[in-house]
Amino acid sequence: MEALLTRVSIYSRQMIDVTNFDTAIDLQQPRRILKYVLVFCTSGKATLVVDENEFELSENTVITITSGQIHYFKALDGAEGIILEFTYDFFIKGDHDMELIFHNGLFCHFAMNEAIKVENGTMIVKLLKEIEQEILTRPYQYLISVHSRIELILIEVNRTKINRGDELYKPDALFLRFLEAVLSNFKNNLSVNDIAGLLGTTEAKLNELSKLHTNKTAQNVIFGLIVSESKRLFTYEKLSVKEVAYALGFNDPFYFSNFFKKHTRISPKSYKETVLN
């Protein structure tokens, strides 16, 4: 593969980036960005850490990382590849886009990351190079063109998963908007009813969808997302128990400590000591 020599972006807001492994300097250390990230290894081997898990990437292997997840390269053993990043606002134009980006667990908020050996790596490389070219030259309607090529990449990854026998997982757009609302409002400590109001639906409907997709109540889905976020803040932001509690909308750090222990079976202090060691 010819190296993608430049890092390219749309606008100063960097709604979309395409980067080489060897030029992605910021991925040498744990980082967190509010973008969806697709890492595609074209040759060699790489070890990628996503939150608390490690993944081995090799030729024609892809992994998707959802917005807000901590990730970095732990090792690059002669690996080459391409990293695609794009924002929620760039890609999500309607329910179809929302459902596609989470189809079959891609970019899922429930730590469903996996290294996937794709069937048609040549096609994905071609599409990534075309995305880079579209951004560099900005022809007429290039944003639509880029969006379409990202769709094709995600479809190709989904086809690989279905062809290998994975069970079809087709999420509901309203449920996905519920997850996004939770992630955007940790500090506000919103109830299920509050979020239902924001989304123009009912608490009963959110519970119905949560049961369908996770076999949990909507409230327990929120609890799970809070626990995942607290672990990231402890592990990578190195925040104190009090700081994490306040960041996640808890007025009482003691209550937060009890909440964390109830859902993880370990105290925040013990968890922090385990991570640091």
C-alpha atoms as a PDB file:
ATOM      1  CA  MET A   1       0.000   0.000   0.000  1.00  0.00           C
ATOM      2  CA  GLU A   2       1.180   3.536  -0.737  1.00  0.00           C
ATOM      3  CA  ALA A   3       1.461   5.502   2.479  1.00  0.00           C
ATOM      4  CA  LEU A   4      -1.035   8.250   3.151  1.00  0.00           C
ATOM      5  CA  LEU A   5       1.556  10.951   3.630  1.00  0.00           C
ATOM      6  CA  THR A   6      -0.590  13.733   4.965  1.00  0.00           C
ATOM      7  CA  ARG A   7      -3.070  14.277   7.701  1.00  0.00           C
ATOM      8  CA  VAL A   8      -6.137  15.886   6.228  1.00  0.00           C
ATOM      9  CA  SER A   9      -9.183  17.411   7.825  1.00  0.00           C
ATOM     10  CA  ILE A  10     -12.373  19.242   7.018  1.00  0.00           C
ATOM     11  CA  TYR A  11     -12.466  22.719   8.515  1.00  0.00           C
ATOM     12  CA  SER A  12     -10.632  23.754  11.674  1.00  0.00           C
ATOM     13  CA  ARG A  13     -13.153  21.691  13.638  1.00  0.00           C
ATOM     14  CA  GLN A  14     -11.639  18.582  12.035  1.00  0.00           C
ATOM     15  CA  MET A  15     -14.912  16.818  11.375  1.00  0.00           C
ATOM     16  CA  ILE A  16     -13.023  14.063   9.587  1.00  0.00           C
ATOM     17  CA  ASP A  17      -9.365  12.972   9.586  1.00  0.00           C
ATOM     18  CA  VAL A  18      -7.369  10.363   7.689  1.00  0.00           C
ATOM     19  CA  THR A  19      -3.986   9.437   9.173  1.00  0.00           C
ATOM     20  CA  ASN A  20      -1.191   6.880   8.770  1.00  0.00           C
ATOM     21  CA  PHE A  21      -0.091   4.707  11.683  1.00  0.00           C
ATOM     22  CA  ASP A  22       3.405   6.217  11.517  1.00  0.00           C
ATOM     23  CA  THR A  23       2.156   9.809  11.556  1.00  0.00           C
ATOM     24  CA  ALA A  24      -0.457   9.337  14.301  1.00  0.00           C
ATOM     25  CA  ILE A  25       1.829  10.649  17.029  1.00  0.00           C
ATOM     26  CA  ASP A  26      -1.071  11.367  19.382  1.00  0.00           C
ATOM     27  CA  LEU A  27      -1.921   7.654  19.438  1.00  0.00           C
ATOM     28  CA  GLN A  28       1.367   6.794  21.123  1.00  0.00           C
ATOM     29  CA  GLN A  29      -0.208   7.890  24.418  1.00  0.00           C
ATOM     30  CA  PRO A  30      -3.719   7.277  25.778  1.00  0.00           C
ATOM     31  CA  ARG A  31      -6.107   9.708  24.178  1.00  0.00           C
ATOM     32  CA  ARG A  32      -9.797  10.405  24.119  1.00  0.00           C
ATOM     33  CA  ILE A  33     -11.626  12.239  21.334  1.00  0.00           C
ATOM     34  CA  LEU A  34     -15.282  12.898  20.592  1.00  0.00           C
ATOM     35  CA  LYS A  35     -15.101  11.154  17.237  1.00  0.00           C
ATOM     36  CA  TYR A  36     -15.778   7.703  15.916  1.00  0.00           C
ATOM     37  CA  VAL A  37     -12.481   6.024  15.066  1.00  0.00           C
ATOM     38  CA  LEU A  38     -11.826   3.204  12.618  1.00  0.00           C
ATOM     39  CA  VAL A  39      -8.334   1.675  12.724  1.00  0.00           C
ATOM     40  CA  PHE A  40      -7.382  -0.474   9.723  1.00  0.00           C
ATOM     41  CA  CYS A  41      -4.123  -2.439   9.734  1.00  0.00           C
ATOM     42  CA  THR A  42      -2.750  -3.181   6.253  1.00  0.00           C
ATOM     43  CA  SER A  43       0.453  -5.037   7.214  1.00  0.00           C
ATOM     44  CA  GLY A  44       2.606  -6.036  10.193  1.00  0.00           C
ATOM     45  CA  LYS A  45       1.260  -6.362  13.709  1.00  0.00           C
ATOM     46  CA  ALA A  46       0.027  -3.803  16.226  1.00  0.00           C
ATOM     47  CA  THR A  47      -1.304  -3.928  19.767  1.00  0.00           C
ATOM     48  CA  LEU A  48      -4.079  -1.433  20.392  1.00  0.00           C
ATOM     49  CA  VAL A  49      -5.532  -0.715  23.836  1.00  0.00           C
ATOM     50  CA  VAL A  50      -9.176   0.359  24.034  1.00  0.00           C
ATOM     51  CA  ASP A  51     -10.333   1.232  27.543  1.00  0.00           C
ATOM     52  CA  GLU A  52      -9.342  -1.815  29.628  1.00  0.00           C
ATOM     53  CA  ASN A  53      -8.811  -4.275  26.764  1.00  0.00           C
ATOM     54  CA  GLU A  54      -5.944  -5.071  24.370  1.00  0.00           C
ATOM     55  CA  PHE A  55      -6.417  -6.060  20.725  1.00  0.00           C
ATOM     56  CA  GLU A  56      -3.945  -7.571  18.282  1.00  0.00           C
ATOM     57  CA  LEU A  57      -4.176  -6.170  14.764  1.00  0.00           C
ATOM     58  CA  SER A  58      -2.638  -7.792  11.697  1.00  0.00           C
ATOM     59  CA  GLU A  59      -3.010  -7.550   7.922  1.00  0.00           C
ATOM     60  CA  ASN A  60      -6.548  -6.593   6.823  1.00  0.00           C
ATOM     61  CA  THR A  61      -7.778  -6.265  10.415  1.00  0.00           C
ATOM     62  CA  VAL A  62     -10.095  -3.448  11.450  1.00  0.00           C
ATOM     63  CA  ILE A  63     -11.369  -2.249  14.808  1.00  0.00           C
ATOM     64  CA  THR A  64     -13.983   0.408  15.521  1.00  0.00           C
ATOM     65  CA  ILE A  65     -13.810   2.697  18.564  1.00  0.00           C
ATOM     66  CA  THR A  66     -16.772   4.709  19.727  1.00  0.00           C
ATOM     67  CA  SER A  67     -16.705   8.376  20.651  1.00  0.00           C
ATOM     68  CA  GLY A  68     -15.178   8.942  24.086  1.00  0.00           C
ATOM     69  CA  GLN A  69     -13.362   5.622  24.463  1.00  0.00           C
ATOM     70  CA  ILE A  70      -9.731   5.789  25.593  1.00  0.00           C
ATOM     71  CA  HIS A  71      -7.362   4.217  23.059  1.00  0.00           C
ATOM     72  CA  TYR A  72      -3.682   4.081  22.095  1.00  0.00           C
ATOM     73  CA  PHE A  73      -1.055   1.927  20.413  1.00  0.00           C
ATOM     74  CA  LYS A  74       0.816  -0.179  22.945  1.00  0.00           C
ATOM     75  CA  ALA A  75       3.087  -1.675  20.283  1.00  0.00           C
ATOM     76  CA  LEU A  76       3.693  -1.279  16.560  1.00  0.00           C
ATOM     77  CA  ASP A  77       5.651  -4.265  15.246  1.00  0.00           C
ATOM     78  CA  GLY A  78       6.357  -3.054  11.732  1.00  0.00           C
ATOM     79  CA  ALA A  79       2.669  -2.304  11.363  1.00  0.00           C
ATOM     80  CA  GLU A  80       1.272  -0.050   8.683  1.00  0.00           C
ATOM     81  CA  GLY A  81      -2.275   1.116   8.393  1.00  0.00           C
ATOM     82  CA  ILE A  82      -4.798   3.896   8.188  1.00  0.00           C
ATOM     83  CA  ILE A  83      -6.908   5.630  10.828  1.00  0.00           C
ATOM     84  CA  LEU A  84     -10.241   7.219   9.924  1.00  0.00           C
ATOM     85  CA  GLU A  85     -11.902   9.601  12.382  1.00  0.00           C
ATOM     86  CA  PHE A  86     -15.192  11.427  12.005  1.00  0.00           C
ATOM     87  CA  THR A  87     -17.570  13.325  14.251  1.00  0.00           C
ATOM     88  CA  TYR A  88     -21.133  12.454  15.146  1.00  0.00           C
ATOM     89  CA  ASP A  89     -22.378  15.676  13.536  1.00  0.00           C
ATOM     90  CA  PHE A  90     -20.623  14.888  10.261  1.00  0.00           C
ATOM     91  CA  PHE A  91     -21.981  11.382   9.823  1.00  0.00           C
ATOM     92  CA  ILE A  92     -25.384  11.307  11.522  1.00  0.00           C
ATOM     93  CA  LYS A  93     -27.937  12.943   9.246  1.00  0.00           C
ATOM     94  CA  GLY A  94     -30.892  10.742  10.117  1.00  0.00           C
ATOM     95  CA  ASP A  95     -32.088   7.423  11.531  1.00  0.00           C
ATOM     96  CA  HIS A  96     -30.465   5.426   8.711  1.00  0.00           C
ATOM     97  CA  ASP A  97     -27.011   6.774   9.571  1.00  0.00           C
ATOM     98  CA  MET A  98     -27.593   6.257  13.287  1.00  0.00           C
ATOM     99  CA  GLU A  99     -28.562   2.628  12.769  1.00  0.00           C
ATOM    100  CA  LEU A 100     -25.729   1.921  10.319  1.00  0.00           C
ATOM    101  CA  ILE A 101     -22.965   3.214  12.581  1.00  0.00           C
ATOM    102  CA  PHE A 102     -24.043   0.872  15.400  1.00  0.00           C
ATOM    103  CA  HIS A 103     -25.116  -2.027  13.177  1.00  0.00           C
ATOM    104  CA  ASN A 104     -23.781  -5.393  14.396  1.00  0.00           C
ATOM    105  CA  GLY A 105     -22.068  -3.754  17.355  1.00  0.00           C
ATOM    106  CA  LEU A 106     -19.852  -1.373  15.389  1.00  0.00           C
ATOM    107  CA  PHE A 107     -18.987   1.738  17.443  1.00  0.00           C
ATOM    108  CA  CYS A 108     -21.052   0.297  20.305  1.00  0.00           C
ATOM    109  CA  HIS A 109     -21.162   2.000  23.719  1.00  0.00           C
ATOM    110  CA  PHE A 110     -21.059  -1.319  25.587  1.00  0.00           C
ATOM    111  CA  ALA A 111     -17.387  -2.286  25.171  1.00  0.00           C
ATOM    112  CA  MET A 112     -18.114  -4.573  22.220  1.00  0.00           C
ATOM    113  CA  ASN A 113     -14.900  -3.613  20.422  1.00  0.00           C
ATOM    114  CA  GLU A 114     -13.314  -6.423  18.435  1.00  0.00           C
ATOM    115  CA  ALA A 115     -10.556  -6.917  15.888  1.00  0.00           C
ATOM    116  CA  ILE A 116     -12.255  -8.036  12.673  1.00  0.00           C
ATOM    117  CA  LYS A 117     -10.391  -9.694   9.806  1.00  0.00           C
ATOM    118  CA  VAL A 118     -12.137  -8.255   6.752  1.00  0.00           C
ATOM    119  CA  GLU A 119     -12.682 -10.195   3.556  1.00  0.00           C
ATOM    120  CA  ASN A 120     -11.953  -7.371   1.121  1.00  0.00           C
ATOM    121  CA  GLY A 121      -9.108  -5.293   2.529  1.00  0.00           C
ATOM    122  CA  THR A 122      -8.176  -3.968  -0.923  1.00  0.00           C
ATOM    123  CA  MET A 123     -11.592  -2.362  -1.248  1.00  0.00           C
ATOM    124  CA  ILE A 124     -11.340  -0.669   2.144  1.00  0.00           C
ATOM    125  CA  VAL A 125      -7.876   0.740   1.360  1.00  0.00           C
ATOM    126  CA  LYS A 126      -9.210   2.049  -1.956  1.00  0.00           C
ATOM    127  CA  LEU A 127     -12.135   3.763  -0.240  1.00  0.00           C
ATOM    128  CA  LEU A 128      -9.893   5.325   2.417  1.00  0.00           C
ATOM    129  CA  LYS A 129      -7.574   6.707  -0.262  1.00  0.00           C
ATOM    130  CA  GLU A 130     -10.570   8.096  -2.145  1.00  0.00           C
ATOM    131  CA  ILE A 131     -11.773   9.790   1.044  1.00  0.00           C
ATOM    132  CA  GLU A 132      -8.357  11.385   1.463  1.00  0.00           C
ATOM    133  CA  GLN A 133      -8.384  12.619  -2.127  1.00  0.00           C
ATOM    134  CA  GLU A 134     -11.897  14.036  -1.814  1.00  0.00           C
ATOM    135  CA  ILE A 135     -10.908  16.010   1.273  1.00  0.00           C
ATOM    136  CA  LEU A 136      -7.700  17.302  -0.314  1.00  0.00           C
ATOM    137  CA  THR A 137      -9.267  18.466  -3.588  1.00  0.00           C
ATOM    138  CA  ARG A 138     -12.788  19.347  -2.360  1.00  0.00           C
ATOM    139  CA  PRO A 139     -14.687  18.807  -5.614  1.00  0.00           C
ATOM    140  CA  TYR A 140     -18.397  19.586  -5.911  1.00  0.00           C
ATOM    141  CA  GLN A 141     -20.430  17.772  -3.199  1.00  0.00           C
ATOM    142  CA  TYR A 142     -17.309  16.148  -1.759  1.00  0.00           C
ATOM    143  CA  LEU A 143     -18.837  15.886   1.727  1.00  0.00           C
ATOM    144  CA  ILE A 144     -21.630  13.726   0.333  1.00  0.00           C
ATOM    145  CA  SER A 145     -19.020  11.657  -1.493  1.00  0.00           C
ATOM    146  CA  VAL A 146     -16.986  11.152   1.695  1.00  0.00           C
ATOM    147  CA  HIS A 147     -20.100  10.196   3.654  1.00  0.00           C
ATOM    148  CA  SER A 148     -21.035   7.619   1.028  1.00  0.00           C
ATOM    149  CA  ARG A 149     -17.589   6.038   1.111  1.00  0.00           C
ATOM    150  CA  ILE A 150     -17.703   5.721   4.901  1.00  0.00           C
ATOM    151  CA  GLU A 151     -21.054   3.966   4.486  1.00  0.00           C
ATOM    152  CA  LEU A 152     -19.473   1.509   2.039  1.00  0.00           C
ATOM    153  CA  ILE A 153     -16.625   0.778   4.474  1.00  0.00           C
ATOM    154  CA  LEU A 154     -19.049   0.048   7.311  1.00  0.00           C
ATOM    155  CA  ILE A 155     -21.178  -2.135   5.031  1.00  0.00           C
ATOM    156  CA  GLU A 156     -18.096  -4.133   4.038  1.00  0.00           C
ATOM    157  CA  VAL A 157     -17.164  -4.718   7.694  1.00  0.00           C
ATOM    158  CA  ASN A 158     -20.747  -5.737   8.470  1.00  0.00           C
ATOM    159  CA  ARG A 159     -20.760  -8.178   5.557  1.00  0.00           C
ATOM    160  CA  THR A 160     -17.642  -9.826   6.947  1.00  0.00           C
ATOM    161  CA  LYS A 161     -19.321 -10.275  10.333  1.00  0.00           C
ATOM    162  CA  ILE A 162     -22.500 -11.726   8.820  1.00  0.00           C
ATOM    163  CA  ASN A 163     -20.581 -14.015   6.444  1.00  0.00           C
ATOM    164  CA  ARG A 164     -18.629 -15.505   9.343  1.00  0.00           C
ATOM    165  CA  GLY A 165     -21.876 -16.374  11.092  1.00  0.00           C
ATOM    166  CA  ASP A 166     -22.388 -13.535  13.567  1.00  0.00           C
ATOM    167  CA  GLU A 167     -25.921 -12.991  14.787  1.00  0.00           C
ATOM    168  CA  LEU A 168     -27.509  -9.951  13.155  1.00  0.00           C
ATOM    169  CA  TYR A 169     -27.785  -6.991  15.551  1.00  0.00           C
ATOM    170  CA  LYS A 170     -29.864  -4.127  14.188  1.00  0.00           C
ATOM    171  CA  PRO A 171     -30.313  -1.351  16.767  1.00  0.00           C
ATOM    172  CA  ASP A 172     -33.194   1.090  16.940  1.00  0.00           C
ATOM    173  CA  ALA A 173     -32.321   4.742  16.257  1.00  0.00           C
ATOM    174  CA  LEU A 174     -34.285   6.002  19.274  1.00  0.00           C
ATOM    175  CA  PHE A 175     -32.357   3.686  21.595  1.00  0.00           C
ATOM    176  CA  LEU A 176     -29.095   4.982  20.135  1.00  0.00           C
ATOM    177  CA  ARG A 177     -30.182   8.578  20.668  1.00  0.00           C
ATOM    178  CA  PHE A 178     -30.952   7.609  24.266  1.00  0.00           C
ATOM    179  CA  LEU A 179     -27.352   6.402  24.705  1.00  0.00           C
ATOM    180  CA  GLU A 180     -25.958   9.580  23.163  1.00  0.00           C
ATOM    181  CA  ALA A 181     -28.131  11.700  25.474  1.00  0.00           C
ATOM    182  CA  VAL A 182     -26.807   9.850  28.516  1.00  0.00           C
ATOM    183  CA  LEU A 183     -23.185  10.307  27.441  1.00  0.00           C
ATOM    184  CA  SER A 184     -23.727  14.017  26.825  1.00  0.00           C
ATOM    185  CA  ASN A 185     -25.346  14.672  30.202  1.00  0.00           C
ATOM    186  CA  PHE A 186     -23.355  12.846  32.890  1.00  0.00           C
ATOM    187  CA  LYS A 187     -22.872  16.059  34.892  1.00  0.00           C
ATOM    188  CA  ASN A 188     -26.578  16.803  34.842  1.00  0.00           C
ATOM    189  CA  ASN A 189     -27.524  13.470  36.479  1.00  0.00           C
ATOM    190  CA  LEU A 190     -30.677  13.175  34.354  1.00  0.00           C
ATOM    191  CA  SER A 191     -33.340  10.620  35.170  1.00  0.00           C
ATOM    192  CA  VAL A 192     -34.788   8.267  32.565  1.00  0.00           C
ATOM    193  CA  ASN A 193     -37.888  10.454  32.522  1.00  0.00           C
ATOM    194  CA  ASP A 194     -35.763  13.586  31.956  1.00  0.00           C
ATOM    195  CA  ILE A 195     -34.035  11.966  28.977  1.00  0.00           C
ATOM    196  CA  ALA A 196     -37.350  10.735  27.601  1.00  0.00           C
ATOM    197  CA  GLY A 197     -38.544  14.348  27.645  1.00  0.00           C
ATOM    198  CA  LEU A 198     -35.441  15.489  25.756  1.00  0.00           C
ATOM    199  CA  LEU A 199     -36.047  12.850  23.103  1.00  0.00           C
ATOM    200  CA  GLY A 200     -39.776  13.429  22.802  1.00  0.00           C
ATOM    201  CA  THR A 201     -40.694   9.952  23.976  1.00  0.00           C
ATOM    202  CA  THR A 202     -41.747   8.188  27.182  1.00  0.00           C
ATOM    203  CA  GLU A 203     -39.936   6.401  29.985  1.00  0.00           C
ATOM    204  CA  ALA A 204     -41.912   3.269  29.148  1.00  0.00           C
ATOM    205  CA  LYS A 205     -40.666   3.345  25.547  1.00  0.00           C
ATOM    206  CA  LEU A 206     -37.023   3.721  26.634  1.00  0.00           C
ATOM    207  CA  ASN A 207     -37.441   0.795  29.029  1.00  0.00           C
ATOM    208  CA  GLU A 208     -38.987  -1.279  26.247  1.00  0.00           C
ATOM    209  CA  LEU A 209     -36.066  -0.571  23.895  1.00  0.00           C
ATOM    210  CA  SER A 210     -33.459  -1.101  26.608  1.00  0.00           C
ATOM    211  CA  LYS A 211     -34.961  -4.481  27.456  1.00  0.00           C
ATOM    212  CA  LEU A 212     -34.988  -5.396  23.765  1.00  0.00           C
ATOM    213  CA  HIS A 213     -31.369  -4.412  23.107  1.00  0.00           C
ATOM    214  CA  THR A 214     -29.643  -5.185  26.413  1.00  0.00           C
ATOM    215  CA  ASN A 215     -32.119  -7.127  28.556  1.00  0.00           C
ATOM    216  CA  LYS A 216     -31.743  -4.342  31.118  1.00  0.00           C
ATOM    217  CA  THR A 217     -33.932  -1.456  32.238  1.00  0.00           C
ATOM    218  CA  ALA A 218     -33.101   1.998  30.920  1.00  0.00           C
ATOM    219  CA  GLN A 219     -31.911   2.980  34.391  1.00  0.00           C
ATOM    220  CA  ASN A 220     -29.500   0.044  34.525  1.00  0.00           C
ATOM    221  CA  VAL A 221     -28.192   0.978  31.079  1.00  0.00           C
ATOM    222  CA  ILE A 222     -27.432   4.437  32.475  1.00  0.00           C
ATOM    223  CA  PHE A 223     -25.706   2.885  35.490  1.00  0.00           C
ATOM    224  CA  GLY A 224     -23.513   0.789  33.188  1.00  0.00           C
ATOM    225  CA  LEU A 225     -22.463   3.808  31.146  1.00  0.00           C
ATOM    226  CA  ILE A 226     -21.644   5.731  34.343  1.00  0.00           C
ATOM    227  CA  VAL A 227     -19.439   2.881  35.604  1.00  0.00           C
ATOM    228  CA  SER A 228     -17.561   2.710  32.276  1.00  0.00           C
ATOM    229  CA  GLU A 229     -17.009   6.453  32.325  1.00  0.00           C
ATOM    230  CA  SER A 230     -15.825   6.437  35.923  1.00  0.00           C
ATOM    231  CA  LYS A 231     -13.222   3.776  35.104  1.00  0.00           C
ATOM    232  CA  ARG A 232     -11.880   5.932  32.270  1.00  0.00           C
ATOM    233  CA  LEU A 233     -11.647   8.951  34.547  1.00  0.00           C
ATOM    234  CA  PHE A 234      -9.815   6.952  37.222  1.00  0.00           C
ATOM    235  CA  THR A 235      -7.477   5.194  34.803  1.00  0.00           C
ATOM    236  CA  TYR A 236      -6.495   7.876  32.331  1.00  0.00           C
ATOM    237  CA  GLU A 237      -7.519  11.218  33.796  1.00  0.00           C
ATOM    238  CA  LYS A 238      -6.080  10.225  37.191  1.00  0.00           C
ATOM    239  CA  LEU A 239      -8.942  11.994  38.970  1.00  0.00           C
ATOM    240  CA  SER A 240      -9.689  11.571  42.671  1.00  0.00           C
ATOM    241  CA  VAL A 241     -12.840   9.832  43.882  1.00  0.00           C
ATOM    242  CA  LYS A 242     -14.348  13.213  44.727  1.00  0.00           C
ATOM    243  CA  GLU A 243     -13.499  14.645  41.296  1.00  0.00           C
ATOM    244  CA  VAL A 244     -15.001  11.665  39.493  1.00  0.00           C
ATOM    245  CA  ALA A 245     -18.124  11.801  41.630  1.00  0.00           C
ATOM    246  CA  TYR A 246     -18.731  15.466  40.802  1.00  0.00           C
ATOM    247  CA  ALA A 247     -17.894  14.952  37.103  1.00  0.00           C
ATOM    248  CA  LEU A 248     -20.613  12.291  36.909  1.00  0.00           C
ATOM    249  CA  GLY A 249     -23.316  14.289  38.652  1.00  0.00           C
ATOM    250  CA  PHE A 250     -23.024  12.866  42.175  1.00  0.00           C
ATOM    251  CA  ASN A 251     -23.330  15.481  44.916  1.00  0.00           C
ATOM    252  CA  ASP A 252     -21.979  13.102  47.568  1.00  0.00           C
ATOM    253  CA  PRO A 253     -18.634  11.304  46.936  1.00  0.00           C
ATOM    254  CA  PHE A 254     -19.516   8.758  49.626  1.00  0.00           C
ATOM    255  CA  TYR A 255     -22.716   7.850  47.791  1.00  0.00           C
ATOM    256  CA  PHE A 256     -20.724   7.538  44.552  1.00  0.00           C
ATOM    257  CA  SER A 257     -18.234   5.206  46.252  1.00  0.00           C
ATOM    258  CA  ASN A 258     -21.079   2.954  47.363  1.00  0.00           C
ATOM    259  CA  PHE A 259     -22.577   3.075  43.862  1.00  0.00           C
ATOM    260  CA  PHE A 260     -19.248   2.103  42.252  1.00  0.00           C
ATOM    261  CA  LYS A 261     -18.671  -0.767  44.668  1.00  0.00           C
ATOM    262  CA  LYS A 262     -22.211  -2.065  44.184  1.00  0.00           C
ATOM    263  CA  HIS A 263     -21.740  -2.291  40.415  1.00  0.00           C
ATOM    264  CA  THR A 264     -18.102  -3.434  40.263  1.00  0.00           C
ATOM    265  CA  ARG A 265     -17.674  -5.339  43.568  1.00  0.00           C
ATOM    266  CA  ILE A 266     -14.602  -3.258  44.303  1.00  0.00           C
ATOM    267  CA  SER A 267     -14.216   0.135  45.973  1.00  0.00           C
ATOM    268  CA  PRO A 268     -13.017   3.125  43.918  1.00  0.00           C
ATOM    269  CA  LYS A 269      -9.890   3.313  46.060  1.00  0.00           C
ATOM    270  CA  SER A 270      -9.051  -0.360  45.459  1.00  0.00           C
ATOM    271  CA  TYR A 271      -9.791  -0.002  41.759  1.00  0.00           C
ATOM    272  CA  LYS A 272      -7.463   2.988  41.478  1.00  0.00           C
ATOM    273  CA  GLU A 273      -4.700   1.105  43.307  1.00  0.00           C
ATOM    274  CA  THR A 274      -5.152  -1.901  41.011  1.00  0.00           C
ATOM    275  CA  VAL A 275      -4.934   0.252  37.899  1.00  0.00           C
ATOM    276  CA  LEU A 276      -1.906   2.204  39.096  1.00  0.00           C
ATOM    277  CA  ASN A 277      -0.069  -1.008  39.916  1.00  0.00           C
END
